[in-house]
N, C-alpha and C. Protein backbone atom coordinates (compact mmCIF):
# COMPACT_ATOMS: atom_id res chain seq x y z
N MET A 1 -22.07 4.49 -0.42
CA MET A 1 -20.91 5.15 -0.98
C MET A 1 -20.83 4.79 -2.46
N SER A 2 -20.72 5.79 -3.29
CA SER A 2 -20.64 5.52 -4.72
C SER A 2 -19.26 4.97 -5.07
N LYS A 3 -19.20 4.29 -6.20
CA LYS A 3 -17.94 3.69 -6.64
C LYS A 3 -16.87 4.75 -6.83
N ASN A 4 -17.24 5.97 -7.24
CA ASN A 4 -16.27 7.04 -7.46
C ASN A 4 -15.72 7.62 -6.17
N SER A 5 -16.35 7.34 -5.03
CA SER A 5 -15.87 7.90 -3.77
C SER A 5 -15.03 6.89 -2.99
N ARG A 6 -14.67 5.79 -3.63
CA ARG A 6 -13.85 4.77 -2.97
C ARG A 6 -12.37 5.01 -3.26
N PRO A 7 -11.49 4.50 -2.41
CA PRO A 7 -10.06 4.63 -2.69
C PRO A 7 -9.72 4.07 -4.07
N ARG A 8 -8.68 4.64 -4.67
CA ARG A 8 -8.27 4.23 -6.02
C ARG A 8 -7.01 3.37 -5.94
N PHE A 9 -6.99 2.33 -6.76
CA PHE A 9 -5.84 1.42 -6.82
C PHE A 9 -5.21 1.50 -8.21
N GLU A 10 -3.89 1.47 -8.24
CA GLU A 10 -3.14 1.50 -9.49
C GLU A 10 -2.12 0.35 -9.46
N PRO A 11 -2.26 -0.64 -10.35
CA PRO A 11 -1.30 -1.74 -10.35
C PRO A 11 0.02 -1.37 -11.02
N LEU A 12 1.12 -1.83 -10.44
CA LEU A 12 2.45 -1.70 -11.01
C LEU A 12 3.05 -3.11 -11.03
N TYR A 13 3.57 -3.54 -12.15
CA TYR A 13 4.10 -4.90 -12.28
C TYR A 13 5.57 -4.87 -12.66
N TYR A 14 6.33 -5.78 -12.10
CA TYR A 14 7.70 -5.99 -12.55
C TYR A 14 8.10 -7.41 -12.22
N SER A 15 9.12 -7.92 -12.89
CA SER A 15 9.55 -9.30 -12.66
C SER A 15 10.75 -9.31 -11.72
N ASN A 16 11.03 -10.46 -11.18
CA ASN A 16 12.07 -10.64 -10.18
C ASN A 16 13.46 -10.25 -10.68
N ASN A 17 13.67 -10.30 -11.99
CA ASN A 17 14.99 -9.95 -12.48
C ASN A 17 15.13 -8.45 -12.75
N GLU A 18 14.11 -7.68 -12.37
CA GLU A 18 14.18 -6.22 -12.46
C GLU A 18 14.36 -5.67 -11.05
N GLU A 19 14.96 -4.48 -10.95
CA GLU A 19 15.04 -3.81 -9.66
C GLU A 19 13.66 -3.35 -9.23
N TYR A 20 13.47 -3.26 -7.92
CA TYR A 20 12.21 -2.73 -7.39
C TYR A 20 12.00 -1.35 -8.01
N PRO A 21 10.82 -1.06 -8.51
CA PRO A 21 10.60 0.23 -9.19
C PRO A 21 10.65 1.40 -8.22
N ASP A 22 11.03 2.55 -8.72
CA ASP A 22 10.94 3.77 -7.92
C ASP A 22 9.47 4.03 -7.62
N ILE A 23 9.14 4.19 -6.37
CA ILE A 23 7.78 4.52 -5.97
C ILE A 23 7.78 5.97 -5.52
N LEU A 24 7.12 6.80 -6.32
CA LEU A 24 7.05 8.23 -6.03
C LEU A 24 5.65 8.57 -5.52
N CYS A 25 5.59 9.48 -4.56
CA CYS A 25 4.30 9.97 -4.08
C CYS A 25 3.58 10.65 -5.24
N PRO A 26 2.32 10.29 -5.50
CA PRO A 26 1.58 10.92 -6.59
C PRO A 26 1.21 12.38 -6.32
N VAL A 27 1.42 12.85 -5.09
CA VAL A 27 1.08 14.22 -4.73
C VAL A 27 2.31 15.13 -4.81
N CYS A 28 3.42 14.72 -4.16
CA CYS A 28 4.60 15.60 -4.08
C CYS A 28 5.82 15.06 -4.82
N ALA A 29 5.73 13.85 -5.39
CA ALA A 29 6.80 13.20 -6.16
C ALA A 29 8.01 12.81 -5.32
N HIS A 30 7.87 12.76 -3.99
CA HIS A 30 8.95 12.28 -3.13
C HIS A 30 9.13 10.78 -3.34
N LYS A 31 10.35 10.31 -3.41
CA LYS A 31 10.63 8.88 -3.56
C LYS A 31 10.46 8.21 -2.20
N VAL A 32 9.38 7.44 -2.05
CA VAL A 32 9.05 6.87 -0.73
C VAL A 32 9.65 5.49 -0.50
N ILE A 33 10.05 4.80 -1.56
CA ILE A 33 10.75 3.53 -1.41
C ILE A 33 12.14 3.71 -1.99
N VAL A 34 13.15 3.53 -1.15
CA VAL A 34 14.54 3.69 -1.53
C VAL A 34 15.21 2.33 -1.40
N VAL A 35 15.85 1.87 -2.46
CA VAL A 35 16.53 0.57 -2.42
C VAL A 35 18.02 0.79 -2.15
N GLU A 36 18.49 0.20 -1.04
CA GLU A 36 19.90 0.27 -0.67
C GLU A 36 20.39 -1.14 -0.40
N ASP A 37 21.46 -1.53 -1.09
CA ASP A 37 22.04 -2.87 -0.94
C ASP A 37 20.98 -3.97 -1.09
N GLY A 38 20.09 -3.79 -2.05
CA GLY A 38 19.06 -4.79 -2.33
C GLY A 38 17.88 -4.79 -1.37
N GLU A 39 17.85 -3.88 -0.42
CA GLU A 39 16.76 -3.82 0.55
C GLU A 39 15.93 -2.56 0.31
N ALA A 40 14.61 -2.73 0.28
CA ALA A 40 13.70 -1.60 0.08
C ALA A 40 13.43 -0.94 1.44
N LEU A 41 13.71 0.35 1.53
CA LEU A 41 13.51 1.11 2.76
C LEU A 41 12.46 2.19 2.53
N VAL A 42 11.72 2.53 3.58
CA VAL A 42 10.67 3.55 3.50
C VAL A 42 11.26 4.92 3.81
N SER A 43 10.95 5.89 2.96
CA SER A 43 11.32 7.29 3.18
C SER A 43 10.01 8.08 3.15
N GLN A 44 9.57 8.53 4.32
CA GLN A 44 8.25 9.15 4.46
C GLN A 44 8.12 10.50 3.78
N CYS A 45 6.89 10.79 3.40
CA CYS A 45 6.48 12.13 3.01
C CYS A 45 5.15 12.38 3.72
N PRO A 46 4.65 13.61 3.74
CA PRO A 46 3.41 13.91 4.47
C PRO A 46 2.18 13.19 3.92
N HIS A 47 2.25 12.66 2.70
CA HIS A 47 1.09 12.04 2.08
C HIS A 47 1.05 10.52 2.24
N LEU A 48 2.16 9.94 2.71
CA LEU A 48 2.24 8.49 2.85
C LEU A 48 1.34 8.04 3.99
N VAL A 49 0.46 7.08 3.71
CA VAL A 49 -0.49 6.57 4.70
C VAL A 49 -0.02 5.23 5.25
N PHE A 50 0.39 4.32 4.37
CA PHE A 50 0.86 3.01 4.82
C PHE A 50 1.73 2.36 3.75
N VAL A 51 2.58 1.46 4.21
CA VAL A 51 3.33 0.56 3.34
C VAL A 51 3.11 -0.82 3.91
N ARG A 52 2.45 -1.66 3.12
CA ARG A 52 2.11 -3.02 3.57
C ARG A 52 2.74 -4.02 2.60
N PRO A 53 3.89 -4.60 2.97
CA PRO A 53 4.46 -5.64 2.13
C PRO A 53 3.53 -6.85 2.09
N ASP A 54 3.69 -7.65 1.06
CA ASP A 54 2.88 -8.86 0.94
C ASP A 54 3.01 -9.69 2.21
N GLY A 55 1.93 -10.19 2.69
CA GLY A 55 1.96 -11.01 3.90
C GLY A 55 0.77 -10.71 4.79
N PRO A 56 0.84 -11.22 6.00
CA PRO A 56 -0.31 -11.15 6.90
C PRO A 56 -0.46 -9.82 7.64
N CYS A 57 -0.78 -8.78 6.92
CA CYS A 57 -1.11 -7.47 7.50
C CYS A 57 -0.05 -6.94 8.45
N VAL A 58 1.20 -7.06 8.06
CA VAL A 58 2.29 -6.44 8.80
C VAL A 58 2.69 -5.21 8.00
N TYR A 59 2.75 -4.08 8.66
CA TYR A 59 3.03 -2.82 7.96
C TYR A 59 4.46 -2.37 8.21
N GLU A 60 5.13 -1.94 7.15
CA GLU A 60 6.46 -1.34 7.27
C GLU A 60 6.32 0.10 7.76
N TYR A 61 5.19 0.72 7.42
CA TYR A 61 4.93 2.10 7.84
C TYR A 61 3.43 2.30 7.96
N GLU A 62 3.03 3.05 9.01
CA GLU A 62 1.64 3.48 9.20
C GLU A 62 1.65 4.92 9.67
N SER A 63 0.84 5.77 9.03
CA SER A 63 0.68 7.14 9.54
C SER A 63 -0.11 7.07 10.84
N ASP A 64 -0.05 8.12 11.63
CA ASP A 64 -0.81 8.15 12.88
C ASP A 64 -2.30 7.98 12.62
N ASP A 65 -2.80 8.67 11.59
CA ASP A 65 -4.23 8.57 11.26
C ASP A 65 -4.61 7.14 10.89
N PHE A 66 -3.78 6.49 10.08
CA PHE A 66 -4.08 5.11 9.68
C PHE A 66 -4.08 4.18 10.89
N SER A 67 -3.11 4.34 11.78
CA SER A 67 -3.04 3.51 12.99
C SER A 67 -4.29 3.67 13.84
N LYS A 68 -4.74 4.92 13.99
CA LYS A 68 -5.95 5.18 14.78
C LYS A 68 -7.18 4.56 14.13
N ARG A 69 -7.29 4.68 12.81
CA ARG A 69 -8.44 4.09 12.11
C ARG A 69 -8.43 2.56 12.23
N ARG A 70 -7.26 1.95 12.10
CA ARG A 70 -7.17 0.49 12.25
C ARG A 70 -7.59 0.06 13.64
N ALA A 71 -7.11 0.78 14.65
CA ALA A 71 -7.42 0.44 16.04
C ALA A 71 -8.91 0.58 16.33
N ALA A 72 -9.57 1.53 15.67
CA ALA A 72 -10.99 1.79 15.92
C ALA A 72 -11.92 0.99 15.00
N ALA A 73 -11.36 0.16 14.13
CA ALA A 73 -12.19 -0.61 13.20
C ALA A 73 -13.12 -1.55 13.96
N PRO A 74 -14.38 -1.63 13.54
CA PRO A 74 -15.31 -2.55 14.20
C PRO A 74 -14.81 -4.00 14.09
N ASP A 75 -15.14 -4.80 15.09
CA ASP A 75 -14.70 -6.20 15.10
C ASP A 75 -15.19 -7.00 13.90
N ASP A 76 -16.32 -6.58 13.32
CA ASP A 76 -16.87 -7.34 12.19
C ASP A 76 -16.26 -6.92 10.85
N VAL A 77 -15.20 -6.09 10.89
CA VAL A 77 -14.52 -5.66 9.67
C VAL A 77 -13.16 -6.34 9.62
N PRO A 78 -13.07 -7.46 8.92
CA PRO A 78 -11.79 -8.18 8.89
C PRO A 78 -10.75 -7.46 8.03
N GLU A 79 -9.57 -7.31 8.60
CA GLU A 79 -8.48 -6.67 7.86
C GLU A 79 -7.91 -7.62 6.82
N TYR A 80 -8.18 -8.89 6.97
CA TYR A 80 -7.65 -9.89 6.04
C TYR A 80 -8.63 -10.20 4.92
N CYS A 81 -9.55 -9.27 4.65
CA CYS A 81 -10.55 -9.51 3.61
C CYS A 81 -9.85 -9.71 2.27
N SER A 82 -10.48 -10.50 1.44
CA SER A 82 -9.87 -10.79 0.14
C SER A 82 -9.77 -9.54 -0.72
N ASP A 83 -10.62 -8.58 -0.47
CA ASP A 83 -10.55 -7.31 -1.18
C ASP A 83 -10.18 -6.24 -0.17
N TYR A 84 -8.92 -5.85 -0.15
CA TYR A 84 -8.43 -4.88 0.83
C TYR A 84 -9.17 -3.55 0.71
N LEU A 85 -9.71 -3.28 -0.45
CA LEU A 85 -10.49 -2.07 -0.66
C LEU A 85 -11.66 -2.02 0.33
N ASP A 86 -12.32 -3.15 0.57
CA ASP A 86 -13.43 -3.18 1.52
C ASP A 86 -12.99 -2.73 2.92
N PHE A 87 -11.81 -3.16 3.33
CA PHE A 87 -11.29 -2.77 4.64
C PHE A 87 -11.04 -1.26 4.68
N LEU A 88 -10.42 -0.72 3.65
CA LEU A 88 -10.12 0.71 3.62
C LEU A 88 -11.40 1.55 3.65
N VAL A 89 -12.42 1.13 2.94
CA VAL A 89 -13.71 1.83 2.95
C VAL A 89 -14.33 1.74 4.35
N ALA A 90 -14.26 0.56 4.95
CA ALA A 90 -14.87 0.35 6.27
C ALA A 90 -14.23 1.22 7.35
N ILE A 91 -12.95 1.56 7.19
CA ILE A 91 -12.31 2.41 8.20
C ILE A 91 -12.32 3.89 7.80
N GLY A 92 -13.12 4.21 6.76
CA GLY A 92 -13.41 5.60 6.46
C GLY A 92 -12.62 6.27 5.36
N TYR A 93 -11.86 5.52 4.57
CA TYR A 93 -11.13 6.15 3.48
C TYR A 93 -12.01 6.26 2.24
N ASP A 94 -11.74 7.31 1.45
CA ASP A 94 -12.53 7.57 0.24
C ASP A 94 -11.59 7.83 -0.93
N GLU A 95 -12.08 8.56 -1.93
CA GLU A 95 -11.31 8.78 -3.15
C GLU A 95 -10.03 9.60 -2.94
N LYS A 96 -9.85 10.17 -1.77
CA LYS A 96 -8.61 10.90 -1.49
C LYS A 96 -7.44 9.95 -1.23
N LEU A 97 -7.74 8.66 -1.02
CA LEU A 97 -6.69 7.66 -0.82
C LEU A 97 -6.36 7.00 -2.15
N PHE A 98 -5.08 6.94 -2.45
CA PHE A 98 -4.56 6.34 -3.69
C PHE A 98 -3.60 5.24 -3.28
N VAL A 99 -3.77 4.04 -3.83
CA VAL A 99 -2.96 2.89 -3.43
C VAL A 99 -2.27 2.29 -4.64
N TYR A 100 -0.94 2.17 -4.56
CA TYR A 100 -0.20 1.42 -5.57
C TYR A 100 -0.20 -0.04 -5.14
N GLU A 101 -0.54 -0.93 -6.07
CA GLU A 101 -0.40 -2.37 -5.88
C GLU A 101 0.84 -2.78 -6.66
N VAL A 102 1.94 -2.96 -5.95
CA VAL A 102 3.21 -3.28 -6.59
C VAL A 102 3.34 -4.81 -6.61
N ALA A 103 3.08 -5.40 -7.77
CA ALA A 103 3.10 -6.86 -7.91
C ALA A 103 4.35 -7.29 -8.65
N TYR A 104 4.97 -8.33 -8.14
CA TYR A 104 6.15 -8.86 -8.81
C TYR A 104 6.14 -10.37 -8.74
N SER A 105 6.82 -10.96 -9.69
CA SER A 105 6.87 -12.42 -9.77
C SER A 105 8.28 -12.85 -10.12
N GLY A 106 8.55 -14.10 -9.86
CA GLY A 106 9.87 -14.64 -10.17
C GLY A 106 9.93 -16.12 -9.86
N MET A 107 11.15 -16.62 -9.75
CA MET A 107 11.37 -18.04 -9.46
C MET A 107 12.24 -18.15 -8.22
N GLY A 108 11.82 -18.95 -7.27
CA GLY A 108 12.62 -19.29 -6.10
C GLY A 108 12.80 -20.79 -6.18
N CYS A 109 12.18 -21.49 -5.28
CA CYS A 109 12.11 -22.95 -5.37
C CYS A 109 10.98 -23.34 -6.32
N GLY A 110 10.33 -22.36 -6.85
CA GLY A 110 9.23 -22.49 -7.80
C GLY A 110 8.74 -21.10 -8.10
N PRO A 111 7.76 -20.99 -8.97
CA PRO A 111 7.27 -19.65 -9.30
C PRO A 111 6.54 -19.01 -8.12
N PHE A 112 6.64 -17.69 -8.01
CA PHE A 112 5.93 -16.98 -6.96
C PHE A 112 5.46 -15.64 -7.47
N THR A 113 4.43 -15.12 -6.84
CA THR A 113 3.94 -13.77 -7.08
C THR A 113 3.62 -13.16 -5.73
N THR A 114 3.95 -11.90 -5.56
CA THR A 114 3.68 -11.22 -4.31
C THR A 114 3.28 -9.77 -4.62
N THR A 115 2.53 -9.16 -3.71
CA THR A 115 2.02 -7.81 -3.95
C THR A 115 2.22 -6.95 -2.70
N ASP A 116 2.85 -5.80 -2.88
CA ASP A 116 2.98 -4.81 -1.81
C ASP A 116 1.93 -3.73 -2.05
N LEU A 117 1.38 -3.18 -0.98
CA LEU A 117 0.41 -2.09 -1.08
C LEU A 117 0.99 -0.85 -0.43
N ILE A 118 0.94 0.28 -1.16
CA ILE A 118 1.51 1.53 -0.68
C ILE A 118 0.45 2.62 -0.86
N GLY A 119 -0.05 3.17 0.25
CA GLY A 119 -1.15 4.13 0.19
C GLY A 119 -0.73 5.56 0.44
N PHE A 120 -1.40 6.48 -0.25
CA PHE A 120 -1.14 7.92 -0.14
C PHE A 120 -2.47 8.66 0.00
N ILE A 121 -2.45 9.76 0.70
CA ILE A 121 -3.64 10.61 0.81
C ILE A 121 -3.37 11.92 0.10
N SER A 122 -4.37 12.42 -0.59
CA SER A 122 -4.15 13.62 -1.41
C SER A 122 -4.17 14.91 -0.60
N GLU A 123 -4.45 14.83 0.68
CA GLU A 123 -4.36 16.01 1.55
C GLU A 123 -3.40 15.67 2.68
N GLY A 124 -2.35 16.44 2.83
CA GLY A 124 -1.28 16.09 3.75
C GLY A 124 -1.32 16.74 5.08
């Protein structure tokens, strides 16, 4: 698979003292993350593939196609790979998949950084 046929990632950065950014579908411009009372909620559109908050592969949202691909992934394809792109390629996604890497940092009991992944497919 050529590098140009792999899913595309776009980083978005903001700090903890900023509100979670509006996440719009790059295909239809639907606002897929809605913040209400400080909580980020998922609002689906036909192009949304997954919403994976930072953490151990727990998804806030999975399309039916994504769920089926995850379930059919070969045992030797770890979902916890350091490069999530490798996992997406292994389960058959290509350049039609676009992923926002929403990274944010702040201070809690110390400094922290976390990254949410939000994927879209260009054909709905």
